[in-house]
């Protein structure tokens, strides 16, 4: 580029013909949406935890799908659809969390019941002793 200076007449500016052709400045209205409405939660972190841990019947994966859909709908500005997906993600997360807690508790309870039963059926049961495994196999072997 050259270092030339450009001069314009006082009544004309670049990109417009003249100052007299300009429109007077008006007001600009910016719609901020519903300020009182709370945006729906997407429960993404909760869904991710449920997906990675146990994930019984793919409930955590379903929650993750609806969480991502809720986030997408919220980004697009469709708050009604985002709320619907958020509600579904919430209930899938509740079901998945319930199963994630229930299954290990049931296994622990069954283990305790098994050890109590084995201990009471033939006196004391030395499960961790020298011949504990052989005694255990005799109980269930024929």
N, C-alpha and C. Protein backbone atom coordinates (compact mmCIF):
# COMPACT_ATOMS: atom_id res chain seq x y z
N UNK A 1 0.83 -1.18 0.00
CA UNK A 1 0.00 0.00 0.00
C UNK A 1 0.87 1.23 0.00
N UNK A 2 0.33 2.22 -0.52
CA UNK A 2 1.07 3.48 -0.53
C UNK A 2 0.69 4.29 0.69
N UNK A 3 1.51 5.24 1.00
CA UNK A 3 1.29 6.08 2.19
C UNK A 3 0.56 7.36 1.84
N UNK A 4 -0.31 7.32 0.89
CA UNK A 4 -1.03 8.52 0.48
C UNK A 4 -2.09 8.86 1.52
N UNK A 5 -2.32 10.12 1.68
CA UNK A 5 -3.37 10.56 2.59
C UNK A 5 -4.59 10.87 1.76
N UNK A 6 -5.71 10.55 2.33
CA UNK A 6 -6.96 10.77 1.63
C UNK A 6 -7.73 11.85 2.37
N UNK A 7 -8.28 12.70 1.62
CA UNK A 7 -9.07 13.76 2.25
C UNK A 7 -10.47 13.74 1.64
N UNK A 8 -11.44 13.97 2.50
CA UNK A 8 -12.83 13.99 2.07
C UNK A 8 -13.40 15.36 2.40
N UNK A 9 -14.38 15.71 1.67
CA UNK A 9 -15.05 16.97 1.99
C UNK A 9 -15.75 16.81 3.33
N UNK A 10 -16.00 17.88 4.00
CA UNK A 10 -16.54 17.82 5.36
C UNK A 10 -17.95 17.25 5.43
N UNK A 11 -18.69 17.31 4.33
CA UNK A 11 -20.06 16.81 4.39
C UNK A 11 -20.19 15.37 3.90
N UNK A 12 -19.12 14.73 3.42
CA UNK A 12 -19.18 13.35 2.95
C UNK A 12 -18.15 12.50 3.70
N UNK A 13 -18.51 11.26 3.96
CA UNK A 13 -17.62 10.32 4.64
C UNK A 13 -17.56 9.04 3.83
N UNK A 14 -16.58 8.19 4.08
CA UNK A 14 -16.52 6.94 3.35
C UNK A 14 -17.75 6.06 3.65
N UNK A 15 -18.14 5.26 2.70
CA UNK A 15 -19.24 4.32 2.78
C UNK A 15 -20.62 4.98 2.82
N UNK A 16 -20.70 6.28 2.89
CA UNK A 16 -21.97 6.99 2.77
C UNK A 16 -21.78 8.11 1.78
N UNK A 17 -22.85 8.54 1.19
CA UNK A 17 -22.74 9.62 0.21
C UNK A 17 -22.47 10.95 0.88
N UNK A 18 -23.29 11.31 1.77
CA UNK A 18 -23.14 12.59 2.46
C UNK A 18 -23.74 12.51 3.84
N UNK A 19 -23.38 13.44 4.71
CA UNK A 19 -23.94 13.47 6.05
C UNK A 19 -25.43 13.72 6.01
N UNK A 20 -25.87 14.48 5.06
CA UNK A 20 -27.30 14.79 5.00
C UNK A 20 -28.12 13.57 4.62
N UNK A 21 -27.49 12.56 4.00
CA UNK A 21 -28.21 11.36 3.61
C UNK A 21 -28.32 10.37 4.75
N UNK A 22 -27.62 10.60 5.85
CA UNK A 22 -27.66 9.70 6.99
C UNK A 22 -29.01 9.79 7.69
N UNK A 23 -29.42 8.67 8.25
CA UNK A 23 -30.65 8.65 9.02
C UNK A 23 -30.33 9.03 10.46
N UNK A 24 -31.24 9.67 11.12
CA UNK A 24 -30.98 9.99 12.53
C UNK A 24 -30.90 8.72 13.37
N UNK A 25 -30.08 8.79 14.40
CA UNK A 25 -29.88 7.62 15.26
C UNK A 25 -31.18 7.32 15.99
N UNK A 26 -31.54 6.04 16.00
CA UNK A 26 -32.76 5.61 16.68
C UNK A 26 -32.42 4.71 17.84
N UNK A 27 -33.41 4.19 18.49
CA UNK A 27 -33.16 3.30 19.62
C UNK A 27 -33.08 1.86 19.12
N UNK A 28 -32.31 1.06 19.82
CA UNK A 28 -32.15 -0.35 19.49
C UNK A 28 -32.74 -1.18 20.62
N UNK A 29 -33.60 -2.13 20.28
CA UNK A 29 -34.22 -2.99 21.28
C UNK A 29 -33.55 -4.35 21.21
N UNK A 30 -33.05 -4.82 22.36
CA UNK A 30 -32.44 -6.14 22.45
C UNK A 30 -33.34 -7.00 23.31
N UNK A 31 -33.83 -8.09 22.74
CA UNK A 31 -34.69 -9.00 23.47
C UNK A 31 -33.83 -9.98 24.23
N UNK A 32 -33.87 -9.92 25.54
CA UNK A 32 -33.03 -10.79 26.39
C UNK A 32 -33.74 -12.08 26.76
N UNK A 33 -34.91 -12.30 26.24
CA UNK A 33 -35.65 -13.51 26.57
C UNK A 33 -36.35 -13.35 27.89
N UNK A 34 -36.82 -14.45 28.43
CA UNK A 34 -37.51 -14.41 29.71
C UNK A 34 -36.49 -14.37 30.83
N UNK A 35 -36.36 -13.22 31.45
CA UNK A 35 -35.35 -13.05 32.49
C UNK A 35 -35.74 -13.79 33.76
N UNK A 36 -37.03 -13.99 34.00
CA UNK A 36 -37.47 -14.63 35.23
C UNK A 36 -37.40 -16.14 35.18
N UNK A 37 -37.36 -16.72 33.99
CA UNK A 37 -37.36 -18.17 33.87
C UNK A 37 -35.97 -18.73 34.14
N UNK A 38 -35.94 -19.82 34.89
CA UNK A 38 -34.67 -20.50 35.16
C UNK A 38 -34.44 -21.53 34.06
N UNK A 39 -33.25 -21.56 33.53
CA UNK A 39 -32.94 -22.54 32.48
C UNK A 39 -32.87 -23.93 33.10
N UNK A 40 -33.33 -24.94 32.39
CA UNK A 40 -33.34 -26.29 32.96
C UNK A 40 -31.93 -26.86 33.11
N UNK A 41 -31.75 -27.69 34.13
CA UNK A 41 -30.47 -28.38 34.32
C UNK A 41 -30.34 -29.48 33.29
N UNK A 42 -29.11 -29.81 32.94
CA UNK A 42 -28.92 -30.91 31.99
C UNK A 42 -28.40 -32.18 32.66
N UNK A 43 -27.96 -32.13 33.90
CA UNK A 43 -27.52 -33.29 34.69
C UNK A 43 -26.43 -34.09 33.96
N UNK A 44 -25.55 -33.41 33.26
CA UNK A 44 -24.55 -34.09 32.45
C UNK A 44 -23.52 -34.84 33.29
N UNK A 45 -23.04 -34.23 34.35
CA UNK A 45 -22.01 -34.88 35.19
C UNK A 45 -22.60 -36.10 35.89
N UNK A 46 -23.81 -35.98 36.40
CA UNK A 46 -24.48 -37.10 37.06
C UNK A 46 -24.70 -38.24 36.06
N UNK A 47 -25.08 -37.90 34.84
CA UNK A 47 -25.30 -38.92 33.81
C UNK A 47 -23.99 -39.61 33.44
N UNK A 48 -22.93 -38.83 33.36
CA UNK A 48 -21.63 -39.41 33.02
C UNK A 48 -21.16 -40.37 34.11
N UNK A 49 -21.36 -40.01 35.37
CA UNK A 49 -20.99 -40.91 36.47
C UNK A 49 -21.81 -42.19 36.43
N UNK A 50 -23.11 -42.07 36.17
CA UNK A 50 -23.96 -43.26 36.10
C UNK A 50 -23.62 -44.13 34.90
N UNK A 51 -23.16 -43.52 33.82
CA UNK A 51 -22.78 -44.29 32.64
C UNK A 51 -21.50 -45.09 32.90
N UNK A 52 -20.56 -44.48 33.58
CA UNK A 52 -19.27 -45.14 33.80
C UNK A 52 -19.31 -46.16 34.94
N UNK A 53 -20.25 -46.01 35.87
CA UNK A 53 -20.32 -46.91 37.01
C UNK A 53 -21.51 -47.84 36.86
N UNK A 54 -21.33 -49.12 36.90
CA UNK A 54 -22.28 -50.22 36.80
C UNK A 54 -23.15 -50.14 35.55
N UNK A 55 -23.95 -49.07 35.34
CA UNK A 55 -24.76 -48.86 34.14
C UNK A 55 -25.71 -50.02 33.88
N UNK A 56 -26.52 -50.38 34.87
CA UNK A 56 -27.47 -51.48 34.78
C UNK A 56 -28.53 -51.16 33.72
N UNK A 57 -28.75 -52.08 32.80
CA UNK A 57 -29.75 -51.94 31.72
C UNK A 57 -29.56 -50.66 30.91
N UNK A 58 -28.38 -50.16 30.84
CA UNK A 58 -28.06 -48.95 30.07
C UNK A 58 -28.84 -47.72 30.52
N UNK A 59 -29.27 -47.69 31.77
CA UNK A 59 -30.00 -46.52 32.27
C UNK A 59 -29.11 -45.29 32.32
N UNK A 60 -27.85 -45.47 32.69
CA UNK A 60 -26.92 -44.34 32.72
C UNK A 60 -26.65 -43.80 31.32
N UNK A 61 -26.60 -44.70 30.35
CA UNK A 61 -26.37 -44.27 28.96
C UNK A 61 -27.58 -43.49 28.44
N UNK A 62 -28.79 -43.96 28.78
CA UNK A 62 -30.00 -43.23 28.37
C UNK A 62 -30.03 -41.85 29.02
N UNK A 63 -29.63 -41.78 30.29
CA UNK A 63 -29.58 -40.48 30.97
C UNK A 63 -28.56 -39.56 30.29
N UNK A 64 -27.44 -40.12 29.87
CA UNK A 64 -26.43 -39.32 29.18
C UNK A 64 -26.96 -38.78 27.86
N UNK A 65 -27.70 -39.60 27.13
CA UNK A 65 -28.27 -39.15 25.85
C UNK A 65 -29.23 -37.99 26.08
N UNK A 66 -30.13 -38.13 27.05
CA UNK A 66 -31.09 -37.06 27.29
C UNK A 66 -30.43 -35.82 27.89
N UNK A 67 -29.34 -36.00 28.62
CA UNK A 67 -28.61 -34.84 29.14
C UNK A 67 -27.99 -34.04 28.00
N UNK A 68 -27.43 -34.74 27.03
CA UNK A 68 -26.83 -34.06 25.88
C UNK A 68 -27.92 -33.38 25.05
N UNK A 69 -29.06 -34.06 24.89
CA UNK A 69 -30.18 -33.44 24.17
C UNK A 69 -30.67 -32.19 24.89
N UNK A 70 -30.75 -32.24 26.21
CA UNK A 70 -31.20 -31.07 26.98
C UNK A 70 -30.24 -29.91 26.81
N UNK A 71 -28.94 -30.21 26.82
CA UNK A 71 -27.96 -29.14 26.63
C UNK A 71 -28.05 -28.56 25.23
N UNK A 72 -28.25 -29.40 24.23
CA UNK A 72 -28.38 -28.91 22.85
C UNK A 72 -29.62 -28.04 22.69
N UNK A 73 -30.74 -28.48 23.26
CA UNK A 73 -31.98 -27.70 23.14
C UNK A 73 -31.86 -26.37 23.89
N UNK A 74 -31.15 -26.38 25.01
CA UNK A 74 -30.95 -25.14 25.76
C UNK A 74 -30.09 -24.18 24.95
N UNK A 75 -29.09 -24.71 24.26
CA UNK A 75 -28.24 -23.88 23.43
C UNK A 75 -29.01 -23.29 22.26
N UNK A 76 -29.94 -24.07 21.69
CA UNK A 76 -30.74 -23.59 20.58
C UNK A 76 -31.81 -22.60 21.03
N UNK A 77 -32.10 -22.56 22.30
CA UNK A 77 -33.09 -21.62 22.82
C UNK A 77 -34.48 -22.21 22.99
N UNK A 78 -34.65 -23.48 22.73
CA UNK A 78 -35.95 -24.14 22.89
C UNK A 78 -36.04 -24.67 24.32
N UNK A 79 -36.50 -23.81 25.23
CA UNK A 79 -36.50 -24.16 26.65
C UNK A 79 -37.55 -25.22 26.98
N UNK A 80 -38.64 -25.29 26.24
CA UNK A 80 -39.66 -26.30 26.51
C UNK A 80 -39.10 -27.70 26.23
N UNK A 81 -38.47 -27.88 25.07
CA UNK A 81 -37.87 -29.17 24.73
C UNK A 81 -36.70 -29.49 25.66
N UNK A 82 -35.94 -28.46 26.05
CA UNK A 82 -34.83 -28.68 26.98
C UNK A 82 -35.34 -29.15 28.33
N UNK A 83 -36.49 -28.60 28.78
CA UNK A 83 -37.06 -29.02 30.05
C UNK A 83 -37.55 -30.46 29.99
N UNK A 84 -38.14 -30.86 28.87
CA UNK A 84 -38.60 -32.24 28.71
C UNK A 84 -37.43 -33.22 28.75
N UNK A 85 -36.37 -32.91 28.02
CA UNK A 85 -35.19 -33.79 28.02
C UNK A 85 -34.52 -33.79 29.38
N UNK A 86 -34.53 -32.66 30.06
CA UNK A 86 -33.94 -32.57 31.39
C UNK A 86 -34.70 -33.44 32.38
N UNK A 87 -36.03 -33.43 32.29
CA UNK A 87 -36.83 -34.27 33.19
C UNK A 87 -36.57 -35.76 32.94
N UNK A 88 -36.47 -36.14 31.67
CA UNK A 88 -36.18 -37.54 31.36
C UNK A 88 -34.79 -37.94 31.86
N UNK A 89 -33.82 -37.06 31.66
CA UNK A 89 -32.46 -37.35 32.14
C UNK A 89 -32.44 -37.48 33.66
N UNK A 90 -33.22 -36.63 34.34
CA UNK A 90 -33.28 -36.69 35.80
C UNK A 90 -33.83 -38.04 36.27
N UNK A 91 -34.93 -38.51 35.67
CA UNK A 91 -35.53 -39.77 36.10
C UNK A 91 -34.67 -40.97 35.73
N UNK A 92 -34.03 -40.94 34.58
CA UNK A 92 -33.11 -42.03 34.25
C UNK A 92 -31.92 -42.04 35.22
N UNK A 93 -31.46 -40.87 35.62
CA UNK A 93 -30.37 -40.80 36.60
C UNK A 93 -30.81 -41.33 37.95
N UNK A 94 -32.04 -41.02 38.36
CA UNK A 94 -32.55 -41.53 39.64
C UNK A 94 -32.62 -43.05 39.60
N UNK A 95 -33.16 -43.59 38.50
CA UNK A 95 -33.24 -45.06 38.39
C UNK A 95 -31.86 -45.70 38.36
N UNK A 96 -30.94 -45.11 37.58
CA UNK A 96 -29.59 -45.67 37.49
C UNK A 96 -28.87 -45.59 38.82
N UNK A 97 -29.02 -44.48 39.54
CA UNK A 97 -28.37 -44.36 40.85
C UNK A 97 -28.95 -45.35 41.85
N UNK A 98 -30.27 -45.55 41.76
CA UNK A 98 -30.89 -46.55 42.64
C UNK A 98 -30.34 -47.93 42.39
N UNK A 99 -30.22 -48.32 41.14
CA UNK A 99 -29.66 -49.63 40.82
C UNK A 99 -28.18 -49.69 41.20
N UNK A 100 -27.46 -48.59 40.99
CA UNK A 100 -26.04 -48.58 41.33
C UNK A 100 -25.81 -48.75 42.83
N UNK A 101 -26.76 -48.34 43.64
CA UNK A 101 -26.65 -48.54 45.08
C UNK A 101 -27.25 -49.87 45.52
N UNK A 102 -28.32 -50.28 44.87
CA UNK A 102 -29.03 -51.48 45.29
C UNK A 102 -28.26 -52.77 45.00
N UNK A 103 -27.67 -52.88 43.85
CA UNK A 103 -26.98 -54.12 43.46
C UNK A 103 -25.81 -54.44 44.39
N UNK A 104 -24.89 -53.51 44.68
CA UNK A 104 -23.81 -53.85 45.62
C UNK A 104 -24.32 -54.14 47.03
N UNK A 105 -25.38 -53.42 47.47
CA UNK A 105 -25.93 -53.71 48.79
C UNK A 105 -26.56 -55.10 48.85
N UNK A 106 -27.24 -55.50 47.80
CA UNK A 106 -27.79 -56.86 47.76
C UNK A 106 -26.69 -57.91 47.77
N UNK A 107 -25.62 -57.69 47.03
CA UNK A 107 -24.51 -58.64 47.00
C UNK A 107 -23.85 -58.75 48.38
N UNK A 108 -23.68 -57.61 49.03
CA UNK A 108 -23.10 -57.61 50.37
C UNK A 108 -24.01 -58.35 51.35
N UNK A 109 -25.31 -58.10 51.25
CA UNK A 109 -26.26 -58.80 52.12
C UNK A 109 -26.26 -60.29 51.89
N UNK A 110 -26.21 -60.72 50.63
CA UNK A 110 -26.15 -62.15 50.33
C UNK A 110 -24.88 -62.79 50.83
N UNK A 111 -23.77 -62.08 50.73
CA UNK A 111 -22.50 -62.59 51.25
C UNK A 111 -22.56 -62.76 52.76
N UNK A 112 -23.12 -61.78 53.45
CA UNK A 112 -23.24 -61.87 54.91
C UNK A 112 -24.16 -63.03 55.29
N UNK A 113 -25.29 -63.15 54.59
CA UNK A 113 -26.20 -64.26 54.89
C UNK A 113 -25.54 -65.61 54.62
N UNK A 114 -24.76 -65.72 53.58
CA UNK A 114 -24.07 -66.97 53.26
C UNK A 114 -23.07 -67.31 54.36
N UNK A 115 -22.30 -66.33 54.78
CA UNK A 115 -21.31 -66.60 55.82
C UNK A 115 -21.97 -66.93 57.15
N UNK A 116 -23.08 -66.28 57.47
CA UNK A 116 -23.79 -66.60 58.71
C UNK A 116 -24.38 -68.00 58.64
N UNK A 117 -24.95 -68.34 57.50
CA UNK A 117 -25.53 -69.68 57.34
C UNK A 117 -24.45 -70.75 57.42
N UNK A 118 -23.33 -70.53 56.76
CA UNK A 118 -22.26 -71.52 56.80
C UNK A 118 -21.66 -71.64 58.20
N UNK A 119 -21.62 -70.52 58.91
CA UNK A 119 -21.08 -70.56 60.26
C UNK A 119 -21.99 -71.26 61.24
N UNK A 120 -23.29 -71.20 61.02
CA UNK A 120 -24.22 -71.80 61.98
C UNK A 120 -24.61 -73.22 61.61
N UNK A 121 -24.39 -73.66 60.39
CA UNK A 121 -24.85 -74.98 59.99
C UNK A 121 -23.98 -76.10 60.54
N UNK A 122 -22.70 -75.92 60.66
CA UNK A 122 -21.81 -76.96 61.17
C UNK A 122 -20.87 -76.39 62.21
N UNK A 123 -21.42 -75.72 63.18
CA UNK A 123 -20.58 -75.14 64.22
C UNK A 123 -19.83 -73.94 63.66
N UNK A 124 -18.60 -73.82 64.02
CA UNK A 124 -17.80 -72.71 63.50
C UNK A 124 -17.21 -73.12 62.16
N UNK A 125 -17.25 -72.23 61.25
CA UNK A 125 -16.73 -72.49 59.91
C UNK A 125 -15.46 -71.69 59.71
N UNK A 126 -14.36 -72.39 59.54
CA UNK A 126 -13.08 -71.73 59.37
C UNK A 126 -12.85 -71.48 57.88
N UNK A 127 -13.45 -70.42 57.39
CA UNK A 127 -13.39 -70.15 55.95
C UNK A 127 -11.99 -69.73 55.51
N UNK A 128 -11.30 -68.99 56.37
CA UNK A 128 -9.98 -68.48 55.99
C UNK A 128 -8.84 -69.31 56.59
N UNK A 129 -9.15 -70.43 57.18
CA UNK A 129 -8.11 -71.27 57.78
C UNK A 129 -7.42 -72.14 56.74
N UNK A 130 -6.66 -73.15 57.25
CA UNK A 130 -5.87 -73.99 56.36
C UNK A 130 -6.73 -74.86 55.45
N UNK A 131 -7.75 -75.47 56.00
CA UNK A 131 -8.58 -76.34 55.18
C UNK A 131 -9.98 -75.74 54.96
N UNK A 132 -10.08 -74.41 54.99
CA UNK A 132 -11.36 -73.74 54.84
C UNK A 132 -11.97 -73.93 53.47
N UNK A 133 -11.17 -73.87 52.44
CA UNK A 133 -11.70 -74.02 51.09
C UNK A 133 -12.17 -75.45 50.84
N UNK A 134 -11.42 -76.44 51.36
CA UNK A 134 -11.84 -77.82 51.19
C UNK A 134 -13.15 -78.09 51.94
N UNK A 135 -13.31 -77.52 53.13
CA UNK A 135 -14.55 -77.69 53.88
C UNK A 135 -15.70 -77.01 53.15
N UNK A 136 -15.41 -75.88 52.57
CA UNK A 136 -16.43 -75.16 51.80
C UNK A 136 -16.87 -75.99 50.60
N UNK A 137 -15.95 -76.60 49.92
CA UNK A 137 -16.30 -77.41 48.74
C UNK A 137 -17.02 -78.70 49.15
N UNK A 138 -16.75 -79.25 50.33
CA UNK A 138 -17.46 -80.45 50.80
C UNK A 138 -18.93 -80.16 51.03
N UNK A 139 -19.23 -78.91 51.46
CA UNK A 139 -20.63 -78.56 51.71
C UNK A 139 -21.46 -78.61 50.43
N UNK A 140 -20.88 -78.17 49.33
CA UNK A 140 -21.62 -78.08 48.07
C UNK A 140 -21.33 -79.21 47.11
N UNK A 141 -20.33 -80.01 47.41
CA UNK A 141 -20.01 -81.15 46.55
C UNK A 141 -20.81 -82.37 46.95
N UNK A 142 -20.99 -83.31 46.04
CA UNK A 142 -21.75 -84.54 46.34
C UNK A 142 -20.87 -85.73 46.23
